[in-house]
Protein backbone atom coordinates (compact mmCIF):
# COMPACT_ATOMS: atom_id res chain seq x y z
CA MET A 1 0.00 0.00 0.00
CA SER A 2 1.36 3.39 -0.99
CA ILE A 3 1.48 6.39 1.33
CA LYS A 4 -1.24 8.04 -0.76
CA GLU A 5 -3.56 5.00 -0.45
CA PHE A 6 -2.90 4.85 3.28
CA ASP A 7 -3.60 8.59 3.57
CA ILE A 8 -6.91 8.18 1.73
CA LYS A 9 -7.95 5.30 4.02
CA ILE A 10 -7.12 7.30 7.15
CA ILE A 11 -9.02 10.34 5.87
CA ARG A 12 -12.08 8.20 5.02
CA PHE A 13 -11.94 6.60 8.46
CA PHE A 14 -11.81 9.98 10.22
CA ARG A 15 -14.65 11.31 8.05
CA LYS A 16 -16.73 8.28 9.05
CA ILE A 17 -16.17 8.68 12.80
CA SER A 18 -15.82 12.48 13.12
CA VAL A 19 -19.46 13.26 13.84
CA PRO A 20 -20.04 10.37 16.29
CA VAL A 21 -16.81 11.20 18.14
CA ALA A 22 -17.76 14.91 18.30
CA ARG A 23 -21.24 14.00 19.59
CA LEU A 24 -19.80 11.71 22.25
CA GLY A 25 -17.19 14.27 23.31
CA ILE A 26 -19.77 17.03 23.68
CA PHE A 27 -22.07 14.66 25.57
CA VAL A 28 -19.35 13.68 28.05
CA VAL A 29 -18.30 17.26 28.77
CA PHE A 30 -21.82 18.66 29.11
CA PHE A 31 -23.39 15.77 31.00
CA TRP A 32 -20.45 15.32 33.39
CA PHE A 33 -19.96 19.01 34.14
CA GLY A 34 -23.73 19.54 34.41
CA LEU A 35 -24.09 16.63 36.80
CA LEU A 36 -21.31 18.07 38.98
CA LYS A 37 -23.33 21.30 39.24
CA VAL A 38 -26.53 19.41 40.11
CA ILE A 39 -24.87 17.46 42.93
CA GLY A 40 -22.95 20.49 44.21
CA LEU A 41 -19.41 19.38 43.32
CA SER A 42 -18.55 21.64 40.40
CA PRO A 43 -15.23 23.44 40.68
CA ALA A 44 -16.75 26.16 38.46
CA SER A 45 -19.46 27.02 41.00
CA GLY A 46 -17.54 29.96 42.46
CA VAL A 47 -17.17 31.77 39.15
CA VAL A 48 -20.76 30.91 38.20
CA GLU A 49 -21.98 32.34 41.51
CA ARG A 50 -20.03 35.58 41.16
CA LEU A 51 -21.39 36.06 37.63
CA PHE A 52 -24.87 35.16 38.88
CA ASP A 53 -24.63 37.80 41.62
CA GLN A 54 -23.98 40.46 38.97
CA THR A 55 -26.59 39.40 36.44
CA ILE A 56 -29.55 37.39 37.77
CA PRO A 57 -31.31 38.92 40.78
CA PHE A 58 -34.67 37.12 40.49
CA MET A 59 -33.89 33.60 41.83
CA SER A 60 -31.67 31.94 44.38
CA PHE A 61 -28.24 30.78 43.28
CA ALA A 62 -28.88 27.24 44.55
CA VAL A 63 -31.92 26.88 42.29
CA PHE A 64 -30.11 28.48 39.36
CA LEU A 65 -27.09 26.18 39.68
CA ILE A 66 -29.27 23.06 39.63
CA LEU A 67 -31.28 24.34 36.66
CA PHE A 68 -28.10 25.33 34.81
CA GLY A 69 -26.61 21.91 35.51
CA LEU A 70 -29.75 20.19 34.24
CA PHE A 71 -29.63 22.41 31.16
CA GLU A 72 -26.07 21.23 30.53
CA CYS A 73 -27.10 17.58 31.03
CA LEU A 74 -29.95 18.08 28.55
CA ILE A 75 -27.58 19.56 25.97
CA GLY A 76 -25.27 16.58 26.41
CA ILE A 77 -28.07 14.05 26.00
CA LEU A 78 -29.53 15.81 22.96
CA PHE A 79 -26.15 15.67 21.20
CA LEU A 80 -26.41 11.88 21.31
CA ILE A 81 -29.76 11.88 19.51
CA ARG A 82 -29.61 12.00 15.73
CA GLY A 83 -32.21 14.44 14.48
CA ALA A 84 -32.02 16.69 17.56
CA GLU A 85 -29.30 18.91 16.10
CA ARG A 86 -31.62 21.74 15.09
CA VAL A 87 -32.81 21.95 18.70
CA VAL A 88 -29.56 21.34 20.56
CA ILE A 89 -27.21 23.54 18.56
CA PRO A 90 -29.19 26.73 19.33
CA LEU A 91 -29.30 25.61 22.99
CA LEU A 92 -25.53 25.17 22.87
CA PHE A 93 -25.04 28.67 21.51
CA ILE A 94 -27.26 30.11 24.27
CA HIS A 95 -25.12 28.23 26.79
CA MET A 96 -21.92 29.47 25.18
CA PHE A 97 -23.18 33.06 25.30
CA LEU A 98 -23.80 32.66 29.03
CA THR A 99 -20.53 30.94 29.79
CA PHE A 100 -18.41 33.54 28.02
CA GLY A 101 -19.88 36.15 30.39
CA PRO A 102 -17.11 35.98 33.01
CA LEU A 103 -14.52 37.03 30.43
CA PHE A 104 -16.31 40.38 30.28
CA PHE A 105 -18.08 40.72 33.65
CA LEU A 106 -15.36 39.20 35.85
CA PRO A 107 -12.11 40.22 34.16
CA GLN A 108 -10.23 40.20 37.47
CA GLU A 109 -10.90 36.45 37.74
CA THR A 110 -10.47 35.46 34.10
CA TRP A 111 -7.47 37.53 32.98
CA SER A 112 -4.12 37.96 34.68
CA GLY A 113 -2.92 40.39 32.01
CA PHE A 114 -3.60 41.50 28.45
CA LEU A 115 -4.46 38.34 26.49
CA VAL A 116 -3.21 36.20 29.41
CA PRO A 117 -6.14 34.17 30.78
CA THR A 118 -6.21 32.73 34.27
CA LEU A 119 -7.04 29.05 34.68
CA GLU A 120 -10.73 30.04 34.83
CA GLY A 121 -10.29 32.08 31.64
CA GLN A 122 -8.67 29.14 29.89
CA TYR A 123 -11.53 26.93 31.03
CA ILE A 124 -13.96 29.33 29.34
CA ILE A 125 -11.91 29.93 26.18
CA LYS A 126 -11.65 26.18 25.53
CA ASN A 127 -15.36 26.35 24.75
CA LEU A 128 -14.32 27.55 21.30
CA VAL A 129 -13.36 23.92 20.62
CA ILE A 130 -16.86 22.80 21.61
CA ILE A 131 -18.32 25.41 19.26
CA ALA A 132 -16.06 24.11 16.47
CA ALA A 133 -17.23 20.54 17.10
CA ALA A 134 -20.88 21.66 17.01
CA VAL A 135 -20.27 23.52 13.75
CA GLY A 136 -18.72 20.34 12.34
CA ILE A 137 -21.80 18.36 13.35
CA ALA A 138 -24.09 21.01 11.85
CA SER A 139 -22.12 20.94 8.60
CA HIS A 140 -23.21 17.33 8.08
CA LEU A 141 -26.94 18.09 8.33
CA HIS A 142 -29.15 17.81 5.30
CA PRO A 143 -31.18 20.89 4.34
CA LEU A 144 -34.79 20.93 5.51
CA LYS A 145 -37.32 19.92 2.90
CA ARG A 146 -39.70 22.63 1.70
CA THR A 147 -43.28 22.13 2.80
């Protein structure tokens, strides 16, 4: 087998598994991190609470954290279901909008200098990879049929 033939086989293999692997990866991250929030063990709870204190005055933080965790679990589960992409991807983008908030509302906790994120900032910025995976999943959808 030539290098070119081997290259083609590897590319075909990765094309075949890319969407299932992206779905599984997003599921694991969202369900696991959401579950940690629901059971009160999330290491992100402190940053979430400080952002909450600045932005959401109409409910208790304890209730919000459980609901936010359940929302994350739901997003994770929906990424496993073929056909749910048109529902879950907008939910993901709503979540991403919310989770990027600390970069702007809590700069003292997310930046240690110009373009130098803290560990919390890095945790948030890595969400760009999740967005890229979701875009990759969306790129494999078939257009809706006209009715």
